PDB file of N, CA and C in Angstrom:
ATOM      1  N   MET A   1     145.355 139.149  60.482  1.00  0.00           N
ATOM      2  CA  MET A   1     144.054 139.503  60.970  1.00  0.00           C
ATOM      3  C   MET A   1     143.352 140.315  59.896  1.00  0.00           C
ATOM      4  N   LEU A   2     142.083 140.068  59.760  1.00  0.00           N
ATOM      5  CA  LEU A   2     141.249 140.819  58.839  1.00  0.00           C
ATOM      6  C   LEU A   2     140.096 141.374  59.655  1.00  0.00           C
ATOM      7  N   ALA A   3     139.890 142.684  59.643  1.00  0.00           N
ATOM      8  CA  ALA A   3     138.830 143.288  60.451  1.00  0.00           C
ATOM      9  C   ALA A   3     137.995 144.234  59.603  1.00  0.00           C
ATOM     10  N   PHE A   4     136.692 144.172  59.802  1.00  0.00           N
ATOM     11  CA  PHE A   4     135.761 145.079  59.142  1.00  0.00           C
ATOM     12  C   PHE A   4     135.005 145.829  60.217  1.00  0.00           C
ATOM     13  N   GLY A   5     134.777 147.126  60.024  1.00  0.00           N
ATOM     14  CA  GLY A   5     134.101 147.919  61.037  1.00  0.00           C
ATOM     15  C   GLY A   5     132.884 148.639  60.505  1.00  0.00           C
ATOM     16  N   ASN A   6     132.442 149.631  61.279  1.00  0.00           N
ATOM     17  CA  ASN A   6     131.304 150.501  60.951  1.00  0.00           C
ATOM     18  C   ASN A   6     129.969 149.779  60.999  1.00  0.00           C
ATOM     19  N   PHE A   7     129.697 149.079  62.114  1.00  0.00           N
ATOM     20  CA  PHE A   7     128.436 148.378  62.257  1.00  0.00           C
ATOM     21  C   PHE A   7     127.568 148.916  63.386  1.00  0.00           C
ATOM     22  N   ASP A   8     127.933 150.020  64.021  1.00  0.00           N
ATOM     23  CA  ASP A   8     127.034 150.618  65.009  1.00  0.00           C
ATOM     24  C   ASP A   8     127.117 152.130  64.922  1.00  0.00           C
ATOM     25  N   GLY A   9     126.369 152.819  65.792  1.00  0.00           N
ATOM     26  CA  GLY A   9     126.217 154.262  65.687  1.00  0.00           C
ATOM     27  C   GLY A   9     127.462 155.087  65.886  1.00  0.00           C
ATOM     28  N   ARG A  10     128.363 154.690  66.790  1.00  0.00           N
ATOM     29  CA  ARG A  10     129.524 155.530  67.062  1.00  0.00           C
ATOM     30  C   ARG A  10     130.656 155.238  66.095  1.00  0.00           C
ATOM     31  N   TYR A  11     131.195 154.057  66.148  1.00  0.00           N
ATOM     32  CA  TYR A  11     132.310 153.684  65.290  1.00  0.00           C
ATOM     33  C   TYR A  11     131.997 152.433  64.490  1.00  0.00           C
ATOM     34  N   GLY A  12     131.062 151.668  64.932  1.00  0.00           N
ATOM     35  CA  GLY A  12     130.770 150.410  64.275  1.00  0.00           C
ATOM     36  C   GLY A  12     131.186 149.251  65.146  1.00  0.00           C
ATOM     37  N   GLY A  13     130.628 148.134  64.872  1.00  0.00           N
ATOM     38  CA  GLY A  13     131.065 146.903  65.507  1.00  0.00           C
ATOM     39  C   GLY A  13     132.223 146.368  64.697  1.00  0.00           C
ATOM     40  N   ALA A  14     132.581 145.154  64.934  1.00  0.00           N
ATOM     41  CA  ALA A  14     133.699 144.596  64.174  1.00  0.00           C
ATOM     42  C   ALA A  14     133.447 143.134  63.862  1.00  0.00           C
ATOM     43  N   ILE A  15     133.787 142.759  62.656  1.00  0.00           N
ATOM     44  CA  ILE A  15     133.859 141.356  62.278  1.00  0.00           C
ATOM     45  C   ILE A  15     135.342 141.088  62.074  1.00  0.00           C
ATOM     46  N   ILE A  16     135.874 140.144  62.819  1.00  0.00           N
ATOM     47  CA  ILE A  16     137.317 139.929  62.810  1.00  0.00           C
ATOM     48  C   ILE A  16     137.620 138.469  62.487  1.00  0.00           C
ATOM     49  N   VAL A  17     138.533 138.279  61.577  1.00  0.00           N
ATOM     50  CA  VAL A  17     139.036 136.949  61.271  1.00  0.00           C
ATOM     51  C   VAL A  17     140.521 136.974  61.602  1.00  0.00           C
ATOM     52  N   ALA A  18     140.946 136.081  62.473  1.00  0.00           N
ATOM     53  CA  ALA A  18     142.348 136.086  62.897  1.00  0.00           C
ATOM     54  C   ALA A  18     142.900 134.668  62.887  1.00  0.00           C
ATOM     55  N   LYS A  19     144.175 134.577  62.685  1.00  0.00           N
ATOM     56  CA  LYS A  19     144.871 133.294  62.744  1.00  0.00           C
ATOM     57  C   LYS A  19     145.583 133.213  64.090  1.00  0.00           C
ATOM     58  N   LYS A  20     145.408 132.098  64.782  1.00  0.00           N
ATOM     59  CA  LYS A  20     146.080 131.915  66.065  1.00  0.00           C
ATOM     60  C   LYS A  20     147.557 131.630  65.810  1.00  0.00           C
ATOM     61  N   VAL A  21     148.409 132.396  66.493  1.00  0.00           N
ATOM     62  CA  VAL A  21     149.851 132.214  66.354  1.00  0.00           C
ATOM     63  C   VAL A  21     150.465 132.058  67.742  1.00  0.00           C
ATOM     64  N   SER A  22     151.593 131.413  67.792  1.00  0.00           N
ATOM     65  CA  SER A  22     152.369 131.345  69.029  1.00  0.00           C
ATOM     66  C   SER A  22     153.354 132.500  69.012  1.00  0.00           C
ATOM     67  N   SER A  23     153.518 133.147  70.159  1.00  0.00           N
ATOM     68  CA  SER A  23     154.467 134.258  70.219  1.00  0.00           C
ATOM     69  C   SER A  23     155.065 134.338  71.608  1.00  0.00           C
ATOM     70  N   GLU A  24     156.087 135.162  71.712  1.00  0.00           N
ATOM     71  CA  GLU A  24     156.729 135.378  73.004  1.00  0.00           C
ATOM     72  C   GLU A  24     156.006 136.445  73.820  1.00  0.00           C
ATOM     73  N   TYR A  25     154.962 137.045  73.263  1.00  0.00           N
ATOM     74  CA  TYR A  25     154.253 138.126  73.941  1.00  0.00           C
ATOM     75  C   TYR A  25     153.169 137.569  74.857  1.00  0.00           C
ATOM     76  N   GLU A  26     153.026 138.221  76.016  1.00  0.00           N
ATOM     77  CA  GLU A  26     151.933 137.910  76.927  1.00  0.00           C
ATOM     78  C   GLU A  26     151.235 139.211  77.268  1.00  0.00           C
ATOM     79  N   PHE A  27     149.917 139.153  77.395  1.00  0.00           N
ATOM     80  CA  PHE A  27     149.113 140.346  77.615  1.00  0.00           C
ATOM     81  C   PHE A  27     148.261 140.186  78.865  1.00  0.00           C
ATOM     82  N   THR A  28     148.163 141.267  79.632  1.00  0.00           N
ATOM     83  CA  THR A  28     147.240 141.348  80.755  1.00  0.00           C
ATOM     84  C   THR A  28     146.450 142.634  80.580  1.00  0.00           C
ATOM     85  N   ARG A  29     145.124 142.494  80.485  1.00  0.00           N
ATOM     86  CA  ARG A  29     144.248 143.656  80.289  1.00  0.00           C
ATOM     87  C   ARG A  29     143.513 143.953  81.590  1.00  0.00           C
ATOM     88  N   GLN A  30     143.516 145.238  81.985  1.00  0.00           N
ATOM     89  CA  GLN A  30     142.776 145.680  83.162  1.00  0.00           C
ATOM     90  C   GLN A  30     141.935 146.872  82.751  1.00  0.00           C
ATOM     91  N   ASN A  31     140.637 146.774  83.021  1.00  0.00           N
ATOM     92  CA  ASN A  31     139.713 147.819  82.608  1.00  0.00           C
ATOM     93  C   ASN A  31     139.076 148.449  83.837  1.00  0.00           C
ATOM     94  N   SER A  32     139.145 149.786  83.930  1.00  0.00           N
ATOM     95  CA  SER A  32     138.407 150.506  84.959  1.00  0.00           C
ATOM     96  C   SER A  32     137.392 151.380  84.230  1.00  0.00           C
ATOM     97  N   GLU A  33     136.727 152.275  84.931  1.00  0.00           N
ATOM     98  CA  GLU A  33     135.673 153.082  84.314  1.00  0.00           C
ATOM     99  C   GLU A  33     136.104 153.777  83.033  1.00  0.00           C
ATOM    100  N   ASP A  34     137.200 154.508  83.093  1.00  0.00           N
ATOM    101  CA  ASP A  34     137.591 155.324  81.940  1.00  0.00           C
ATOM    102  C   ASP A  34     138.987 155.004  81.418  1.00  0.00           C
ATOM    103  N   THR A  35     139.582 153.909  81.892  1.00  0.00           N
ATOM    104  CA  THR A  35     140.958 153.585  81.519  1.00  0.00           C
ATOM    105  C   THR A  35     141.104 152.093  81.241  1.00  0.00           C
ATOM    106  N   LEU A  36     141.823 151.788  80.170  1.00  0.00           N
ATOM    107  CA  LEU A  36     142.212 150.414  79.871  1.00  0.00           C
ATOM    108  C   LEU A  36     143.729 150.357  79.945  1.00  0.00           C
ATOM    109  N   THR A  37     144.250 149.417  80.727  1.00  0.00           N
ATOM    110  CA  THR A  37     145.690 149.216  80.829  1.00  0.00           C
ATOM    111  C   THR A  37     146.021 147.841  80.271  1.00  0.00           C
ATOM    112  N   ILE A  38     146.979 147.809  79.337  1.00  0.00           N
ATOM    113  CA  ILE A  38     147.438 146.549  78.773  1.00  0.00           C
ATOM    114  C   ILE A  38     148.913 146.404  79.130  1.00  0.00           C
ATOM    115  N   GLN A  39     149.230 145.369  79.909  1.00  0.00           N
ATOM    116  CA  GLN A  39     150.620 145.077  80.235  1.00  0.00           C
ATOM    117  C   GLN A  39     151.104 144.026  79.249  1.00  0.00           C
ATOM    118  N   ILE A  40     152.245 144.308  78.626  1.00  0.00           N
ATOM    119  CA  ILE A  40     152.788 143.441  77.589  1.00  0.00           C
ATOM    120  C   ILE A  40     154.178 142.987  78.011  1.00  0.00           C
ATOM    121  N   THR A  41     154.389 141.675  78.051  1.00  0.00           N
ATOM    122  CA  THR A  41     155.730 141.152  78.265  1.00  0.00           C
ATOM    123  C   THR A  41     156.191 140.516  76.959  1.00  0.00           C
ATOM    124  N   GLY A  42     157.494 140.550  76.742  1.00  0.00           N
ATOM    125  CA  GLY A  42     158.063 140.003  75.514  1.00  0.00           C
ATOM    126  C   GLY A  42     158.681 141.062  74.630  1.00  0.00           C
ATOM    127  N   THR A  43     158.429 142.330  74.934  1.00  0.00           N
ATOM    128  CA  THR A  43     159.074 143.441  74.240  1.00  0.00           C
ATOM    129  C   THR A  43     159.199 144.618  75.195  1.00  0.00           C
ATOM    130  N   GLU A  44     160.256 145.378  75.026  1.00  0.00           N
ATOM    131  CA  GLU A  44     160.442 146.624  75.773  1.00  0.00           C
ATOM    132  C   GLU A  44     160.591 147.793  74.810  1.00  0.00           C
ATOM    133  N   ILE A  45     160.235 147.572  73.551  1.00  0.00           N
ATOM    134  CA  ILE A  45     160.388 148.590  72.509  1.00  0.00           C
ATOM    135  C   ILE A  45     159.022 149.190  72.199  1.00  0.00           C
ATOM    136  N   PRO A  46     158.773 150.445  72.607  1.00  0.00           N
ATOM    137  CA  PRO A  46     157.466 151.052  72.357  1.00  0.00           C
ATOM    138  C   PRO A  46     157.050 151.041  70.881  1.00  0.00           C
ATOM    139  N   GLY A  47     158.009 151.127  69.974  1.00  0.00           N
ATOM    140  CA  GLY A  47     157.690 151.117  68.550  1.00  0.00           C
ATOM    141  C   GLY A  47     157.134 149.794  68.053  1.00  0.00           C
ATOM    142  N   ASP A  48     157.257 148.736  68.862  1.00  0.00           N
ATOM    143  CA  ASP A  48     156.697 147.432  68.500  1.00  0.00           C
ATOM    144  C   ASP A  48     155.177 147.388  68.664  1.00  0.00           C
ATOM    145  N   VAL A  49     154.609 148.378  69.363  1.00  0.00           N
ATOM    146  CA  VAL A  49     153.192 148.332  69.731  1.00  0.00           C
ATOM    147  C   VAL A  49     152.403 149.407  68.993  1.00  0.00           C
ATOM    148  N   LYS A  50     151.326 148.981  68.374  1.00  0.00           N
ATOM    149  CA  LYS A  50     150.354 149.896  67.768  1.00  0.00           C
ATOM    150  C   LYS A  50     149.026 149.631  68.462  1.00  0.00           C
ATOM    151  N   VAL A  51     148.316 150.684  68.860  1.00  0.00           N
ATOM    152  CA  VAL A  51     147.015 150.523  69.506  1.00  0.00           C
ATOM    153  C   VAL A  51     145.932 150.843  68.489  1.00  0.00           C
ATOM    154  N   TRP A  52     145.011 149.899  68.310  1.00  0.00           N
ATOM    155  CA  TRP A  52     143.920 150.055  67.345  1.00  0.00           C
ATOM    156  C   TRP A  52     142.575 149.954  68.034  1.00  0.00           C
ATOM    157  N   ASN A  53     141.625 150.725  67.527  1.00  0.00           N
ATOM    158  CA  ASN A  53     140.228 150.564  67.888  1.00  0.00           C
ATOM    159  C   ASN A  53     139.629 149.686  66.800  1.00  0.00           C
ATOM    160  N   LEU A  54     139.365 148.430  67.129  1.00  0.00           N
ATOM    161  CA  LEU A  54     138.882 147.497  66.118  1.00  0.00           C
ATOM    162  C   LEU A  54     137.456 147.806  65.683  1.00  0.00           C
ATOM    163  N   CYS A  55     136.656 148.428  66.554  1.00  0.00           N
ATOM    164  CA  CYS A  55     135.292 148.799  66.164  1.00  0.00           C
ATOM    165  C   CYS A  55     135.315 149.881  65.096  1.00  0.00           C
ATOM    166  N   ALA A  56     136.244 150.820  65.228  1.00  0.00           N
ATOM    167  CA  ALA A  56     136.370 151.911  64.256  1.00  0.00           C
ATOM    168  C   ALA A  56     137.269 151.535  63.092  1.00  0.00           C
ATOM    169  N   ASN A  57     138.026 150.444  63.249  1.00  0.00           N
ATOM    170  CA  ASN A  57     138.974 149.986  62.235  1.00  0.00           C
ATOM    171  C   ASN A  57     140.001 151.065  61.900  1.00  0.00           C
ATOM    172  N   LYS A  58     140.526 151.694  62.965  1.00  0.00           N
ATOM    173  CA  LYS A  58     141.583 152.686  62.769  1.00  0.00           C
ATOM    174  C   LYS A  58     142.430 152.799  64.026  1.00  0.00           C
ATOM    175  N   PRO A  59     143.635 153.345  63.868  1.00  0.00           N
ATOM    176  CA  PRO A  59     144.522 153.471  65.031  1.00  0.00           C
ATOM    177  C   PRO A  59     143.971 154.465  66.049  1.00  0.00           C
ATOM    178  N   ALA A  60     144.290 154.218  67.307  1.00  0.00           N
ATOM    179  CA  ALA A  60     143.820 155.091  68.383  1.00  0.00           C
ATOM    180  C   ALA A  60     144.266 156.529  68.179  1.00  0.00           C
ATOM    181  N   ARG A  61     145.438 156.721  67.583  1.00  0.00           N
ATOM    182  CA  ARG A  61     145.947 158.090  67.390  1.00  0.00           C
ATOM    183  C   ARG A  61     145.063 158.905  66.447  1.00  0.00           C
ATOM    184  N   ARG A  62     144.193 158.250  65.683  1.00  0.00           N
ATOM    185  CA  ARG A  62     143.294 158.955  64.768  1.00  0.00           C
ATOM    186  C   ARG A  62     141.894 159.146  65.342  1.00  0.00           C
ATOM    187  N   ILE A  63     141.722 158.847  66.632  1.00  0.00           N
ATOM    188  CA  ILE A  63     140.429 159.024  67.290  1.00  0.00           C
ATOM    189  C   ILE A  63     140.554 160.208  68.239  1.00  0.00           C
ATOM    190  N   ALA A  64     139.769 161.235  67.983  1.00  0.00           N
ATOM    191  CA  ALA A  64     139.906 162.510  68.695  1.00  0.00           C
ATOM    192  C   ALA A  64     139.708 162.386  70.199  1.00  0.00           C
ATOM    193  N   THR A  65     138.866 161.475  70.651  1.00  0.00           N
ATOM    194  CA  THR A  65     138.570 161.362  72.082  1.00  0.00           C
ATOM    195  C   THR A  65     139.516 160.428  72.827  1.00  0.00           C
ATOM    196  N   ALA A  66     140.487 159.837  72.122  1.00  0.00           N
ATOM    197  CA  ALA A  66     141.374 158.835  72.728  1.00  0.00           C
ATOM    198  C   ALA A  66     142.767 159.388  73.009  1.00  0.00           C
ATOM    199  N   THR A  67     143.364 158.901  74.099  1.00  0.00           N
ATOM    200  CA  THR A  67     144.774 159.163  74.392  1.00  0.00           C
ATOM    201  C   THR A  67     145.438 157.834  74.735  1.00  0.00           C
ATOM    202  N   VAL A  68     146.700 157.702  74.331  1.00  0.00           N
ATOM    203  CA  VAL A  68     147.463 156.481  74.590  1.00  0.00           C
ATOM    204  C   VAL A  68     148.816 156.875  75.165  1.00  0.00           C
ATOM    205  N   GLU A  69     149.187 156.246  76.271  1.00  0.00           N
ATOM    206  CA  GLU A  69     150.504 156.443  76.871  1.00  0.00           C
ATOM    207  C   GLU A  69     151.187 155.083  76.963  1.00  0.00           C
ATOM    208  N   THR A  70     152.463 155.042  76.593  1.00  0.00           N
ATOM    209  CA  THR A  70     153.233 153.803  76.663  1.00  0.00           C
ATOM    210  C   THR A  70     154.435 154.029  77.566  1.00  0.00           C
ATOM    211  N   ALA A  71     154.633 153.123  78.521  1.00  0.00           N
ATOM    212  CA  ALA A  71     155.756 153.230  79.452  1.00  0.00           C
ATOM    213  C   ALA A  71     156.498 151.903  79.503  1.00  0.00           C
ATOM    214  N   THR A  72     157.828 151.990  79.582  1.00  0.00           N
ATOM    215  CA  THR A  72     158.647 150.794  79.736  1.00  0.00           C
ATOM    216  C   THR A  72     158.636 150.387  81.200  1.00  0.00           C
ATOM    217  N   THR A  73     158.381 149.108  81.444  1.00  0.00           N
ATOM    218  CA  THR A  73     158.385 148.576  82.800  1.00  0.00           C
ATOM    219  C   THR A  73     159.361 147.412  82.847  1.00  0.00           C
ATOM    220  N   SER A  74     159.584 146.893  84.010  1.00  0.00           N
ATOM    221  CA  SER A  74     160.493 145.763  84.156  1.00  0.00           C
ATOM    222  C   SER A  74     159.935 144.566  83.387  1.00  0.00           C
ATOM    223  N   GLY A  75     160.628 144.177  82.344  1.00  0.00           N
ATOM    224  CA  GLY A  75     160.216 143.020  81.563  1.00  0.00           C
ATOM    225  C   GLY A  75     159.208 143.282  80.474  1.00  0.00           C
ATOM    226  N   GLY A  76     158.855 144.537  80.237  1.00  0.00           N
ATOM    227  CA  GLY A  76     157.876 144.780  79.183  1.00  0.00           C
ATOM    228  C   GLY A  76     157.423 146.213  79.081  1.00  0.00           C
ATOM    229  N   LEU A  77     156.182 146.365  78.645  1.00  0.00           N
ATOM    230  CA  LEU A  77     155.585 147.680  78.441  1.00  0.00           C
ATOM    231  C   LEU A  77     154.227 147.737  79.119  1.00  0.00           C
ATOM    232  N   THR A  78     153.834 148.943  79.513  1.00  0.00           N
ATOM    233  CA  THR A  78     152.482 149.187  79.984  1.00  0.00           C
ATOM    234  C   THR A  78     151.868 150.236  79.071  1.00  0.00           C
ATOM    235  N   VAL A  79     150.735 149.892  78.478  1.00  0.00           N
ATOM    236  CA  VAL A  79     150.021 150.800  77.587  1.00  0.00           C
ATOM    237  C   VAL A  79     148.740 151.217  78.297  1.00  0.00           C
ATOM    238  N   THR A  80     148.538 152.533  78.441  1.00  0.00           N
ATOM    239  CA  THR A  80     147.351 153.062  79.095  1.00  0.00           C
ATOM    240  C   THR A  80     146.527 153.813  78.063  1.00  0.00           C
ATOM    241  N   ILE A  81     145.262 153.421  77.940  1.00  0.00           N
ATOM    242  CA  ILE A  81     144.368 153.998  76.938  1.00  0.00           C
ATOM    243  C   ILE A  81     143.183 154.629  77.658  1.00  0.00           C
ATOM    244  N   ARG A  82     142.862 155.850  77.265  1.00  0.00           N
ATOM    245  CA  ARG A  82     141.670 156.536  77.766  1.00  0.00           C
ATOM    246  C   ARG A  82     140.865 157.007  76.565  1.00  0.00           C
ATOM    247  N   ASP A  83     139.545 156.916  76.678  1.00  0.00           N
ATOM    248  CA  ASP A  83     138.670 157.412  75.617  1.00  0.00           C
ATOM    249  C   ASP A  83     137.427 157.984  76.273  1.00  0.00           C
ATOM    250  N   SER A  84     137.196 159.268  76.069  1.00  0.00           N
ATOM    251  CA  SER A  84     136.062 159.953  76.688  1.00  0.00           C
ATOM    252  C   SER A  84     134.808 159.889  75.828  1.00  0.00           C
ATOM    253  N   GLY A  85     134.829 159.093  74.780  1.00  0.00           N
ATOM    254  CA  GLY A  85     133.694 159.012  73.866  1.00  0.00           C
ATOM    255  C   GLY A  85     132.488 158.304  74.455  1.00  0.00           C
ATOM    256  N   GLU A  86     131.391 158.412  73.749  1.00  0.00           N
ATOM    257  CA  GLU A  86     130.128 157.786  74.145  1.00  0.00           C
ATOM    258  C   GLU A  86     129.957 156.463  73.417  1.00  0.00           C
ATOM    259  N   PRO A  87     129.291 155.479  73.974  1.00  0.00           N
ATOM    260  CA  PRO A  87     128.759 155.449  75.333  1.00  0.00           C
ATOM    261  C   PRO A  87     129.879 155.278  76.356  1.00  0.00           C
ATOM    262  N   GLU A  88     129.846 156.117  77.370  1.00  0.00           N
ATOM    263  CA  GLU A  88     130.916 156.186  78.358  1.00  0.00           C
ATOM    264  C   GLU A  88     131.178 154.823  78.991  1.00  0.00           C
ATOM    265  N   GLY A  89     132.452 154.465  79.062  1.00  0.00           N
ATOM    266  CA  GLY A  89     132.857 153.226  79.693  1.00  0.00           C
ATOM    267  C   GLY A  89     132.746 151.989  78.822  1.00  0.00           C
ATOM    268  N   GLN A  90     132.116 152.106  77.663  1.00  0.00           N
ATOM    269  CA  GLN A  90     131.927 150.937  76.814  1.00  0.00           C
ATOM    270  C   GLN A  90     132.874 150.889  75.628  1.00  0.00           C
ATOM    271  N   VAL A  91     133.424 152.019  75.221  1.00  0.00           N
ATOM    272  CA  VAL A  91     134.257 152.043  74.020  1.00  0.00           C
ATOM    273  C   VAL A  91     135.638 151.428  74.239  1.00  0.00           C
ATOM    274  N   LEU A  92     136.079 151.322  75.489  1.00  0.00           N
ATOM    275  CA  LEU A  92     137.418 150.788  75.744  1.00  0.00           C
ATOM    276  C   LEU A  92     137.544 149.324  75.337  1.00  0.00           C
ATOM    277  N   GLY A  93     136.457 148.606  75.289  1.00  0.00           N
ATOM    278  CA  GLY A  93     136.489 147.214  74.865  1.00  0.00           C
ATOM    279  C   GLY A  93     136.870 147.041  73.407  1.00  0.00           C
ATOM    280  N   CYS A  94     136.865 148.126  72.651  1.00  0.00           N
ATOM    281  CA  CYS A  94     137.222 148.078  71.228  1.00  0.00           C
ATOM    282  C   CYS A  94     138.728 148.196  70.999  1.00  0.00           C
ATOM    283  N   TYR A  95     139.487 148.577  72.025  1.00  0.00           N
ATOM    284  CA  TYR A  95     140.916 148.841  71.850  1.00  0.00           C
ATOM    285  C   TYR A  95     141.762 147.596  72.110  1.00  0.00           C
ATOM    286  N   TYR A  96     142.731 147.381  71.221  1.00  0.00           N
ATOM    287  CA  TYR A  96     143.663 146.267  71.353  1.00  0.00           C
ATOM    288  C   TYR A  96     145.049 146.724  70.929  1.00  0.00           C
ATOM    289  N   ALA A  97     146.054 146.062  71.494  1.00  0.00           N
ATOM    290  CA  ALA A  97     147.436 146.307  71.088  1.00  0.00           C
ATOM    291  C   ALA A  97     147.802 145.302  70.009  1.00  0.00           C
ATOM    292  N   LEU A  98     148.448 145.783  68.962  1.00  0.00           N
ATOM    293  CA  LEU A  98     149.007 144.935  67.914  1.00  0.00           C
ATOM    294  C   LEU A  98     150.517 145.004  68.087  1.00  0.00           C
ATOM    295  N   VAL A  99     151.154 143.858  68.320  1.00  0.00           N
ATOM    296  CA  VAL A  99     152.557 143.850  68.728  1.00  0.00           C
ATOM    297  C   VAL A  99     153.411 143.054  67.750  1.00  0.00           C
ATOM    298  N   GLY A 100     154.563 143.646  67.430  1.00  0.00           N
ATOM    299  CA  GLY A 100     155.564 142.961  66.617  1.00  0.00           C
ATOM    300  C   GLY A 100     155.216 142.885  65.143  1.00  0.00           C
ATOM    301  N   PRO A 101     156.096 142.247  64.370  1.00  0.00           N
ATOM    302  CA  PRO A 101     155.902 142.184  62.923  1.00  0.00           C
ATOM    303  C   PRO A 101     154.681 141.361  62.512  1.00  0.00           C
ATOM    304  N   LEU A 102     154.248 140.418  63.365  1.00  0.00           N
ATOM    305  CA  LEU A 102     153.051 139.627  63.054  1.00  0.00           C
ATOM    306  C   LEU A 102     151.767 140.298  63.520  1.00  0.00           C
ATOM    307  N   LYS A 103     151.909 141.448  64.195  1.00  0.00           N
ATOM    308  CA  LYS A 103     150.762 142.176  64.742  1.00  0.00           C
ATOM    309  C   LYS A 103     149.907 141.270  65.637  1.00  0.00           C
ATOM    310  N   VAL A 104     150.574 140.687  66.625  1.00  0.00           N
ATOM    311  CA  VAL A 104     149.901 139.807  67.576  1.00  0.00           C
ATOM    312  C   VAL A 104     148.907 140.638  68.375  1.00  0.00           C
ATOM    313  N   LEU A 105     147.671 140.182  68.452  1.00  0.00           N
ATOM    314  CA  LEU A 105     146.573 140.917  69.073  1.00  0.00           C
ATOM    315  C   LEU A 105     146.506 140.607  70.559  1.00  0.00           C
ATOM    316  N   GLY A 106     146.484 141.666  71.378  1.00  0.00           N
ATOM    317  CA  GLY A 106     146.389 141.447  72.822  1.00  0.00           C
ATOM    318  C   GLY A 106     145.711 142.576  73.530  1.00  0.00           C
TER     319      GLY A 106
END
């Protein structure tokens, strides 16, 4: 994946070029007002998952307004992301999980 950011006022938009790959990972994204939950099947190892804000082109851990929690569940992982940044409720769409050595986007 190749991503470029910094195209809007807060963090930037993103131009992303990605190659479609087949993987054992499956993703389910659920978005509420202030929380994004990504359920991942195919791994139970938290170290396999990196959470990135593609609009900012940096990891979530480097964004002051963001928090990420990872929990092992039956058959996979649940990643919960919160970001109190502005515009409220819209920044969560920028967050994605990169999983495994191929950094599969989900």
